[in-house]
Protein backbone atom coordinates (compact mmCIF):
# COMPACT_ATOMS: atom_id res chain seq x y z
CA MET A 1 11.48 27.31 -10.62
CA THR A 2 14.63 25.78 -12.30
CA SER A 3 17.02 24.76 -9.80
CA PHE A 4 16.47 23.87 -6.19
CA ASN A 5 18.88 26.96 -5.27
CA ASP A 6 15.40 28.70 -5.85
CA PHE A 7 13.12 26.82 -2.86
CA GLY A 8 15.52 29.06 -0.09
CA LEU A 9 16.34 25.16 1.54
CA HIS A 10 18.21 24.73 3.87
CA ALA A 11 21.84 24.72 3.45
CA ASP A 12 22.65 21.31 4.23
CA ILE A 13 19.91 19.98 2.20
CA ASN A 14 21.20 21.79 -0.36
CA ARG A 15 24.63 20.37 0.42
CA ALA A 16 22.87 17.01 0.14
CA LEU A 17 21.10 17.52 -3.10
CA ALA A 18 24.46 18.44 -4.75
CA ALA A 19 26.01 15.46 -4.09
CA LYS A 20 23.04 13.39 -5.47
CA ASP A 21 23.52 15.78 -8.30
CA TYR A 22 20.27 16.42 -8.12
CA THR A 23 19.44 20.16 -9.77
CA GLN A 24 16.35 20.56 -11.61
CA PRO A 25 13.10 19.57 -9.93
CA THR A 26 10.29 17.65 -11.43
CA PRO A 27 6.72 19.45 -12.10
CA ILE A 28 5.40 17.74 -8.77
CA GLN A 29 8.55 19.34 -6.30
CA THR A 30 8.22 22.67 -8.32
CA GLN A 31 3.82 22.73 -7.25
CA ALA A 32 4.60 21.16 -3.59
CA ILE A 33 7.93 22.69 -2.42
CA PRO A 34 6.76 26.12 -2.37
CA PRO A 35 3.24 25.95 -0.21
CA LEU A 36 4.84 23.17 2.21
CA MET A 37 7.59 25.41 3.04
CA LYS A 38 4.44 27.90 3.80
CA GLY A 39 3.14 25.28 6.39
CA ARG A 40 -0.35 24.56 4.42
CA ASP A 41 -2.11 20.96 4.26
CA LEU A 42 -1.41 19.83 0.52
CA CYS A 43 -3.38 17.18 -1.18
CA GLY A 44 -1.11 15.48 -4.04
CA ILE A 45 -2.12 13.86 -7.04
CA ALA A 46 0.88 11.93 -8.68
CA GLN A 47 1.93 8.78 -10.34
CA THR A 48 4.93 6.80 -8.92
CA GLY A 49 8.43 8.10 -10.47
CA THR A 50 7.35 11.61 -10.58
CA GLY A 51 9.58 12.16 -7.62
CA LYS A 52 7.27 13.14 -5.04
CA THR A 53 9.20 11.44 -2.17
CA ALA A 54 11.67 14.19 -2.64
CA GLY A 55 8.41 16.71 -3.04
CA PHE A 56 7.23 16.03 0.53
CA SER A 57 10.47 15.31 2.33
CA LEU A 58 12.89 18.54 1.48
CA PRO A 59 10.30 20.97 2.71
CA SER A 60 9.57 18.89 5.62
CA ILE A 61 13.64 18.38 6.50
CA HIS A 62 13.76 22.28 5.98
CA HIS A 63 10.93 22.60 8.51
CA LEU A 64 12.42 20.20 11.26
CA LEU A 65 16.00 22.06 10.47
CA THR A 66 14.74 25.29 11.05
CA TYR A 67 12.78 24.70 14.46
CA PRO A 68 15.52 22.36 15.99
CA HIS A 69 14.30 20.27 19.19
CA ARG A 70 14.69 16.99 20.30
CA PRO A 71 11.86 14.46 19.84
CA THR A 72 10.26 13.29 23.14
CA PRO A 73 10.68 9.75 24.38
CA ARG A 74 8.54 7.07 22.33
CA GLY A 75 7.71 10.21 20.13
CA CYS A 76 8.29 11.47 16.66
CA ARG A 77 8.22 14.98 15.17
CA MET A 78 7.42 13.80 11.85
CA LEU A 79 5.47 10.51 10.82
CA VAL A 80 4.99 8.95 7.01
CA LEU A 81 2.57 6.28 6.38
CA ALA A 82 3.09 3.72 3.71
CA PRO A 83 1.08 0.57 2.09
CA THR A 84 4.18 -1.66 1.88
CA ARG A 85 7.23 -2.23 4.01
CA GLU A 86 9.25 -1.82 0.58
CA LEU A 87 7.77 1.85 0.02
CA ALA A 88 8.50 2.31 3.88
CA ALA A 89 12.18 1.52 3.66
CA GLN A 90 12.39 3.80 0.10
CA ILE A 91 10.99 6.88 1.56
CA ALA A 92 13.08 6.32 4.92
CA GLN A 93 16.35 5.89 2.67
CA SER A 94 15.30 8.83 0.97
CA CYS A 95 15.12 10.64 3.74
CA ARG A 96 18.40 9.52 5.14
CA ASP A 97 20.10 10.70 1.92
CA TYR A 98 18.32 14.40 2.13
CA GLY A 99 19.36 14.77 5.66
CA ARG A 100 22.86 12.89 5.30
CA PHE A 101 24.56 16.27 6.79
CA THR A 102 22.11 16.75 9.47
CA LYS A 103 21.79 15.06 12.77
CA LEU A 104 17.97 14.36 12.08
CA SER A 105 17.25 10.83 13.14
CA VAL A 106 14.86 8.45 10.96
CA SER A 107 13.43 5.17 11.88
CA THR A 108 11.29 2.66 10.01
CA VAL A 109 8.77 0.10 11.57
CA PHE A 110 6.79 -2.43 9.51
CA GLY A 111 5.84 -6.31 10.11
CA GLY A 112 7.74 -8.93 9.30
CA VAL A 113 11.02 -8.24 11.35
CA PRO A 114 11.28 -8.42 15.23
CA ILE A 115 9.25 -5.93 17.23
CA ASN A 116 11.80 -5.47 19.87
CA LYS A 117 14.47 -3.79 18.14
CA GLN A 118 11.71 -1.30 16.94
CA ILE A 119 10.74 -0.30 20.26
CA ARG A 120 14.81 -0.21 21.65
CA ASP A 121 15.11 2.66 18.25
CA LEU A 122 11.90 4.62 19.73
CA SER A 123 12.77 4.62 23.03
CA GLN A 124 14.63 7.96 22.72
CA GLY A 125 12.00 9.23 20.43
CA VAL A 126 13.08 9.78 16.47
CA ASP A 127 12.57 12.88 14.19
CA ILE A 128 11.40 11.03 11.01
CA LEU A 129 9.15 7.75 11.10
CA VAL A 130 8.12 5.85 8.36
CA ALA A 131 5.74 3.30 9.05
CA THR A 132 3.25 0.95 7.63
CA PRO A 133 -0.19 1.03 9.76
CA GLY A 134 -0.26 -2.25 11.19
CA ARG A 135 2.84 -2.33 12.68
CA LEU A 136 2.31 1.41 14.24
CA LEU A 137 -0.78 0.34 15.85
CA ASP A 138 1.32 -2.47 17.13
CA LEU A 139 3.37 -0.19 18.89
CA ILE A 140 1.18 1.97 19.96
CA ASP A 141 -0.61 -0.80 21.65
CA GLN A 142 2.38 -1.96 23.49
CA ARG A 143 2.77 1.68 24.60
CA ALA A 144 6.15 2.18 22.58
CA LEU A 145 4.92 5.03 20.74
CA ARG A 146 2.71 8.11 21.14
CA LEU A 147 1.83 10.26 18.02
CA ASP A 148 0.84 13.79 20.13
CA ASP A 149 4.31 15.52 19.47
CA VAL A 150 3.76 14.53 15.62
CA GLU A 151 4.36 18.16 13.43
CA ILE A 152 4.44 16.63 9.98
CA PHE A 153 1.98 13.82 9.19
CA VAL A 154 2.21 12.54 5.44
CA LEU A 155 -0.11 10.00 4.17
CA ASP A 156 1.58 8.13 0.82
CA GLU A 157 -0.36 6.10 -1.52
CA ALA A 158 -3.72 6.49 -0.56
CA ASP A 159 -5.46 4.91 -3.14
CA GLN A 160 -3.34 1.49 -2.16
CA MET A 161 -4.29 2.27 1.22
CA MET A 162 -8.06 1.70 0.72
CA ASP A 163 -7.13 -1.17 -1.44
CA MET A 164 -5.48 -3.04 1.05
CA GLY A 165 -8.26 -2.61 3.52
CA PHE A 166 -6.08 -0.01 5.57
CA ILE A 167 -9.29 2.76 5.97
CA HIS A 168 -9.88 1.98 9.38
CA SER A 169 -6.48 1.93 10.93
CA LEU A 170 -6.35 5.13 9.37
CA ARG A 171 -8.98 6.23 10.65
CA ARG A 172 -7.75 5.23 14.23
CA VAL A 173 -4.46 6.89 13.66
CA ALA A 174 -6.23 9.99 12.45
CA LYS A 175 -7.70 10.05 16.17
CA LEU A 176 -4.39 9.76 17.72
CA LEU A 177 -2.47 12.87 15.76
CA PRO A 178 -2.63 16.27 17.45
CA SER A 179 -5.10 18.84 15.83
CA ARG A 180 -2.35 20.81 15.28
CA ARG A 181 -0.31 19.73 12.56
CA GLN A 182 0.79 20.15 8.88
CA ASN A 183 -0.97 17.29 6.50
CA LEU A 184 0.29 15.81 3.45
CA PHE A 185 -1.69 13.44 1.23
CA PHE A 186 -0.39 11.93 -1.88
CA SER A 187 -2.58 9.53 -4.27
CA ALA A 188 -1.75 8.33 -7.79
CA THR A 189 -5.92 8.46 -8.34
CA MET A 190 -8.39 10.41 -6.52
CA PRO A 191 -11.86 8.47 -6.82
CA LYS A 192 -14.73 9.67 -4.30
CA GLU A 193 -13.71 7.10 -1.81
CA ILE A 194 -9.98 8.80 -1.77
CA ALA A 195 -11.30 11.98 -1.72
CA GLY A 196 -13.43 11.21 1.38
CA LEU A 197 -10.56 9.99 3.15
CA ALA A 198 -8.37 13.14 2.48
CA ASP A 199 -11.11 14.97 4.16
CA GLN A 200 -10.85 13.37 7.32
CA PHE A 201 -7.14 14.50 7.50
CA LEU A 202 -6.55 17.64 5.71
CA ASN A 203 -7.40 21.37 6.41
CA ASP A 204 -7.99 24.07 3.33
CA PRO A 205 -5.40 21.91 1.49
CA VAL A 206 -3.29 23.17 -1.52
CA THR A 207 -4.38 20.50 -4.45
CA VAL A 208 -1.45 20.03 -6.93
CA SER A 209 -1.70 17.46 -9.83
CA VAL A 210 0.77 16.56 -12.53
CA ALA A 211 -1.20 14.18 -14.49
CA PRO A 212 -4.48 13.57 -15.00
CA GLN A 213 -5.99 10.56 -12.84
CA ALA A 214 -5.65 7.11 -13.94
CA THR A 215 -3.00 8.08 -16.54
CA THR A 216 -0.22 6.22 -18.24
CA ALA A 217 2.99 6.99 -18.30
CA GLU A 218 3.75 9.24 -21.67
CA LYS A 219 6.57 7.32 -23.02
CA VAL A 220 5.68 3.87 -22.22
CA ARG A 221 4.91 1.68 -25.31
CA GLN A 222 1.95 -0.77 -24.63
CA PHE A 223 1.41 -3.94 -26.23
CA ALA A 224 -1.09 -6.35 -25.97
CA THR A 225 -1.15 -10.60 -27.18
CA PHE A 226 -4.22 -12.45 -26.44
CA VAL A 227 -3.32 -15.74 -25.48
CA GLU A 228 -4.80 -19.00 -23.30
CA GLN A 229 -3.86 -19.21 -20.07
CA LYS A 230 -1.95 -22.28 -20.13
CA GLU A 231 0.11 -21.11 -23.10
CA LYS A 232 1.21 -17.30 -21.25
CA GLN A 233 4.53 -19.50 -20.01
CA ALA A 234 5.73 -20.43 -23.28
CA LEU A 235 4.98 -16.50 -24.68
CA LEU A 236 6.68 -15.53 -21.43
CA HIS A 237 9.82 -17.33 -22.35
CA HIS A 238 9.52 -16.27 -26.02
CA VAL A 239 9.53 -12.34 -25.42
CA ILE A 240 12.40 -12.79 -22.24
CA LYS A 241 14.58 -14.60 -24.95
CA THR A 242 13.73 -12.34 -28.14
CA SER A 243 13.56 -8.65 -26.32
CA ASP A 244 16.55 -6.33 -25.56
CA ILE A 245 15.53 -6.98 -21.72
CA ASP A 246 17.86 -4.77 -19.27
CA ARG A 247 15.79 -5.08 -16.58
CA ALA A 248 11.79 -6.35 -16.63
CA LEU A 249 8.80 -6.55 -13.43
CA ILE A 250 6.59 -9.17 -14.41
CA PHE A 251 3.18 -8.90 -12.74
CA THR A 252 0.92 -11.82 -11.40
CA ARG A 253 -2.20 -11.56 -9.65
CA THR A 254 -1.72 -14.05 -7.13
CA LYS A 255 1.33 -15.40 -4.38
CA HIS A 256 1.27 -18.87 -5.83
CA GLY A 257 1.07 -17.77 -9.55
CA ALA A 258 4.22 -15.60 -8.58
CA ASP A 259 6.43 -18.32 -7.47
CA ARG A 260 5.00 -20.67 -10.53
CA VAL A 261 6.13 -18.41 -12.86
CA VAL A 262 9.59 -18.04 -11.40
CA ARG A 263 9.84 -22.25 -11.71
CA HIS A 264 9.13 -22.51 -14.90
CA LEU A 265 11.38 -19.84 -15.45
CA LYS A 266 13.93 -21.52 -13.47
CA GLY A 267 13.81 -25.12 -14.93
CA ALA A 268 13.99 -22.89 -18.45
CA GLY A 269 17.37 -22.04 -16.96
CA ILE A 270 16.48 -18.37 -16.60
CA GLU A 271 16.84 -16.96 -13.03
CA ALA A 272 13.99 -15.07 -11.23
CA PHE A 273 13.26 -14.00 -8.23
CA ALA A 274 9.90 -13.79 -6.63
CA ILE A 275 8.40 -11.10 -4.09
CA HIS A 276 5.31 -11.06 -2.49
CA GLY A 277 3.78 -11.16 0.87
CA ASN A 278 4.11 -14.88 1.66
CA LYS A 279 7.86 -14.31 1.28
CA SER A 280 9.67 -13.12 4.27
CA GLN A 281 11.05 -9.21 4.95
CA ALA A 282 14.58 -10.97 4.61
CA GLN A 283 13.84 -12.87 1.25
CA ARG A 284 11.81 -9.83 -0.07
CA THR A 285 15.03 -7.72 0.80
CA ALA A 286 17.54 -9.68 -1.12
CA ALA A 287 15.62 -10.50 -4.12
CA LEU A 288 15.02 -6.25 -4.50
CA GLN A 289 18.56 -5.61 -3.71
CA ALA A 290 19.86 -8.38 -6.52
CA PHE A 291 17.29 -6.73 -9.24
CA ARG A 292 18.52 -3.63 -8.36
CA SER A 293 22.12 -4.22 -8.62
CA GLY A 294 22.39 -6.08 -11.91
CA GLN A 295 22.11 -9.75 -10.25
CA VAL A 296 19.19 -10.57 -12.01
CA ARG A 297 17.26 -9.01 -14.06
CA LEU A 298 13.44 -10.32 -13.79
CA LEU A 299 11.32 -9.76 -10.75
CA VAL A 300 7.83 -11.38 -10.58
CA ALA A 301 5.76 -9.45 -8.26
CA THR A 302 2.40 -9.02 -6.97
CA ASP A 303 0.30 -5.97 -6.91
CA ILE A 304 0.88 -5.04 -3.07
CA ALA A 305 4.52 -6.19 -2.86
CA ALA A 306 5.57 -4.02 -5.89
CA ARG A 307 4.79 -1.00 -4.25
CA GLY A 308 7.72 0.59 -3.35
CA ILE A 309 10.14 -0.84 -6.14
CA ASP A 310 11.81 2.45 -7.28
CA VAL A 311 14.34 1.22 -9.60
CA SER A 312 16.04 2.86 -12.44
CA GLY A 313 16.63 1.33 -15.32
CA VAL A 314 13.32 -1.36 -15.87
CA SER A 315 12.93 -1.59 -19.67
CA HIS A 316 10.11 -3.82 -19.68
CA VAL A 317 7.10 -4.72 -17.36
CA ILE A 318 4.87 -7.57 -18.60
CA ASN A 319 1.75 -8.32 -17.23
CA PHE A 320 1.07 -11.97 -17.12
CA GLU A 321 -2.05 -12.04 -15.99
CA ILE A 322 -4.14 -8.53 -16.11
CA PRO A 323 -5.29 -6.82 -13.01
CA ASN A 324 -9.00 -6.53 -12.21
CA VAL A 325 -8.72 -2.92 -11.40
CA PRO A 326 -7.37 -0.62 -13.76
CA GLU A 327 -5.77 1.31 -11.51
CA GLN A 328 -3.67 -1.16 -10.48
CA TYR A 329 -2.38 -1.33 -14.30
CA VAL A 330 -1.34 2.17 -14.38
CA HIS A 331 0.68 1.47 -11.25
CA ARG A 332 2.44 -1.38 -13.29
CA ILE A 333 3.74 0.55 -16.02
CA GLY A 334 4.73 3.22 -14.02
CA ARG A 335 7.59 1.57 -12.68
CA THR A 336 9.24 1.94 -16.33
CA ALA A 337 10.01 4.78 -18.41
CA ARG A 338 10.90 6.61 -15.09
CA ALA A 339 12.96 9.93 -14.94
CA GLY A 340 12.30 10.51 -18.65
CA ALA A 341 13.43 7.12 -19.80
CA GLU A 342 11.41 5.14 -22.21
CA GLY A 343 9.82 1.81 -21.26
CA ILE A 344 7.65 -1.44 -22.61
CA ALA A 345 4.94 -2.62 -21.63
CA ILE A 346 3.42 -6.00 -22.63
CA SER A 347 0.50 -8.04 -21.36
CA PHE A 348 -0.70 -11.61 -21.98
CA ILE A 349 -4.73 -11.47 -22.20
CA ALA A 350 -6.69 -14.54 -21.77
CA PRO A 351 -9.78 -14.91 -22.87
CA ASP A 352 -11.19 -14.47 -19.61
CA GLU A 353 -9.20 -11.35 -19.22
CA ARG A 354 -10.57 -9.31 -21.67
CA PRO A 355 -13.26 -7.57 -19.66
CA TYR A 356 -10.30 -6.56 -17.28
CA ILE A 357 -8.74 -5.04 -20.59
CA ARG A 358 -11.72 -3.10 -21.92
CA ASP A 359 -12.24 -1.55 -18.59
CA ILE A 360 -8.57 -0.43 -18.23
CA GLU A 361 -8.94 1.04 -22.13
CA ARG A 362 -11.88 2.93 -20.97
CA VAL A 363 -10.32 4.39 -17.64
CA THR A 364 -6.53 5.24 -19.01
CA ARG A 365 -8.31 6.44 -22.87
CA THR A 366 -5.59 4.12 -24.47
CA ARG A 367 -5.54 0.96 -26.22
CA ALA A 368 -2.44 -1.49 -26.23
CA GLU A 369 -0.78 -2.15 -29.77
CA PRO A 370 -1.64 -5.59 -30.70
CA MET A 371 1.41 -8.15 -30.92
CA PRO A 372 0.73 -11.27 -32.49
CA LEU A 373 1.81 -14.67 -31.28
CA PRO A 374 5.33 -15.82 -32.86
CA GLU A 375 5.96 -17.96 -35.43
CA GLY A 376 5.92 -21.69 -34.62
CA PHE A 377 4.21 -20.70 -31.15
CA ASN A 378 2.42 -23.84 -31.13
CA GLU A 379 6.05 -26.04 -31.23
CA LEU A 380 6.88 -23.60 -28.43
CA VAL A 381 4.56 -24.61 -26.39
CA ARG A 382 4.93 -28.60 -26.72
CA ASN A 383 8.32 -27.69 -26.04
CA LEU A 384 7.85 -25.92 -22.56
CA PRO A 385 10.23 -27.27 -20.06
CA LYS A 386 9.05 -28.62 -16.81
CA PRO A 387 9.02 -26.53 -13.90
CA VAL A 388 11.91 -27.13 -10.94
CA GLN A 389 10.27 -28.54 -8.17
CA PRO A 390 9.19 -26.42 -5.23
CA PRO A 391 11.20 -26.51 -1.92
CA ARG A 392 9.59 -29.37 0.19
CA ASP A 393 7.82 -28.17 3.41
CA THR A 394 10.48 -29.18 6.09
CA GLY A 395 7.48 -29.43 8.37
CA SER A 396 7.47 -25.82 10.10
CA ARG A 397 8.09 -23.77 7.38
CA GLY A 398 5.07 -21.58 6.64
CA ARG A 399 2.97 -22.86 9.66
CA ASP A 400 1.01 -20.76 11.98
CA PRO A 401 3.83 -19.42 14.54
CA ASN A 402 1.11 -19.98 17.03
CA ARG A 403 0.24 -23.31 16.54
CA GLN A 404 3.99 -24.18 16.54
CA ARG A 405 4.45 -22.61 20.04
CA GLN A 406 1.51 -24.64 21.16
CA ASP A 407 2.94 -27.90 19.35
CA ALA A 408 6.05 -27.21 21.75
CA ARG A 409 4.29 -26.57 24.68
CA ARG A 410 2.66 -30.15 24.07
CA GLN A 411 5.89 -31.95 23.61
CA PRO A 412 7.99 -33.55 26.37
CA SER A 413 11.41 -32.24 27.81
CA GLY A 414 13.10 -34.22 25.07
CA GLY A 415 11.23 -32.28 22.74
CA GLN A 416 10.01 -35.31 20.76
CA PRO A 417 6.27 -34.88 20.33
CA ARG A 418 4.12 -37.56 22.54
CA GLY A 419 2.71 -39.58 19.55
CA ASP A 420 6.57 -39.99 18.26
CA ARG A 421 8.26 -41.04 20.89
CA GLY A 422 9.30 -44.50 20.29
CA PRO A 423 8.75 -47.52 22.36
CA ARG A 424 10.45 -47.10 26.34
CA ARG A 425 14.37 -48.52 26.75
CA ASP A 426 12.78 -51.26 28.98
CA ALA A 427 9.94 -52.09 26.43
CA PRO A 428 10.20 -55.74 25.35
CA ALA A 429 11.30 -55.89 21.81
CA GLY A 430 8.45 -55.26 19.03
CA GLU A 431 6.23 -53.39 21.61
CA GLY A 432 4.74 -50.00 20.57
CA ALA A 433 2.78 -47.58 22.18
CA GLU A 434 -0.21 -50.02 22.44
CA GLY A 435 2.05 -52.20 23.96
CA GLN A 436 3.67 -49.40 26.69
CA ARG A 437 -0.07 -48.66 27.83
CA LYS A 438 -0.92 -52.29 28.53
CA ARG A 439 2.73 -52.63 30.70
CA ARG A 440 1.95 -49.25 32.13
CA PHE A 441 -1.21 -50.94 34.31
CA ARG A 442 0.39 -54.27 35.26
CA PRO A 443 1.07 -54.73 38.74
CA ARG A 444 4.77 -54.63 39.71
CA ASN A 445 4.14 -57.26 42.33
CA LYS A 446 3.33 -60.48 40.42
CA SER A 447 1.85 -62.18 43.55
CA VAL A 448 -1.83 -63.29 43.57
CA GLY A 449 -3.78 -60.01 45.94
CA ALA A 450 -0.71 -57.67 45.72
CA HIS A 451 -3.30 -55.40 45.81
CA LYS A 452 -6.90 -54.76 45.25
CA GLY A 453 -8.41 -56.04 42.02
CA ALA A 454 -5.39 -57.72 41.43
CA VAL A 455 -6.10 -60.54 38.39
CA LYS A 456 -4.63 -64.01 39.45
CA ARG A 457 -1.85 -65.12 36.77
CA VAL A 458 -2.21 -68.18 35.43
CA GLY A 459 0.70 -70.60 34.02
């Protein structure tokens, strides 16, 4: 197939593809679309950036248009499961783009945002629902969603689903789906555990693969520098200031590590945003939009949050910390050199990370080019600017919302905690909480014998 017109897709889909100037399908699309249009189940092994979202959404939309009917209330005709909010939002937007000239409805549900609006959106039913597993099951438990009318089920980034511990949620979802449906299963890697998961969902599938397992993107030049952990920040500043960076993704292993890198960069006058699981959905969306628009050219991310970051023009991927899972390295550097472009991946390797890089080299069968430390590096370390201070905790930010609600219930009607209520208005000057307690138990009638057990006042 040399053109999307050769697939026999619905006219409204071809019209949308023409509007986006999509003419030539990618290899995964060429292999996946024909069997999917025949109703076959599919197991796809493909890295990010290969066009697999269009590979499964185009024939699925074609099916929904070929057999039109209204979705049932609280139901959906097509269900797509994704591991992260960003990836779910990206898939939903692609479906909207490809169905822009149709009347198909597309909804997205994931955590981090109020559930009530999602319940209202699902009340009349939707054609295409893109969800993360946790929020999907929340809606099912609240009887706001049912899956017995699903015609097409898509599981995307299955390997990441396993890494994030969603295996039990996926098994529960499988039991709720109708037995007669079309199943699409996509994963960048296919170890035995993922193959076993695929067997639970697929029925006589067609298997397509556009790259060997755990291979790195072809047009990514990989470099590695051995450096002490405490000196990595100085090396990062040097790389950013001396490299021709259009946009760069900087990866850390932890959320706090990502925030720490951003504070150091801002201390040096370098603008950057962080994106990870501790950020609110609004913060994550704002950071991603700023990065996509070019307002900020550096985005510091953890592996989980980075799934679904599909941004064109990422020229560099910098592994500030090496992942301890080789497949994560493949996903990371796959964020650059997309759509035929070239990219650069630079890894900072501390002494305790050498075993990780050896595992990566063994699995990917590649070796990064050594990049020595710059001249005068010790001077750069000594002159490293101090990081900006983290925002001060206001008391409620970052606390458990359930604990906050409990605290609120313990407060008096005035809204001030009991331990913080100051002296009563009628308390003598200088009398604190202890004095109030003593005063509270004094008899109002000061005469002797005013009540049983009264103490005679002297003087």
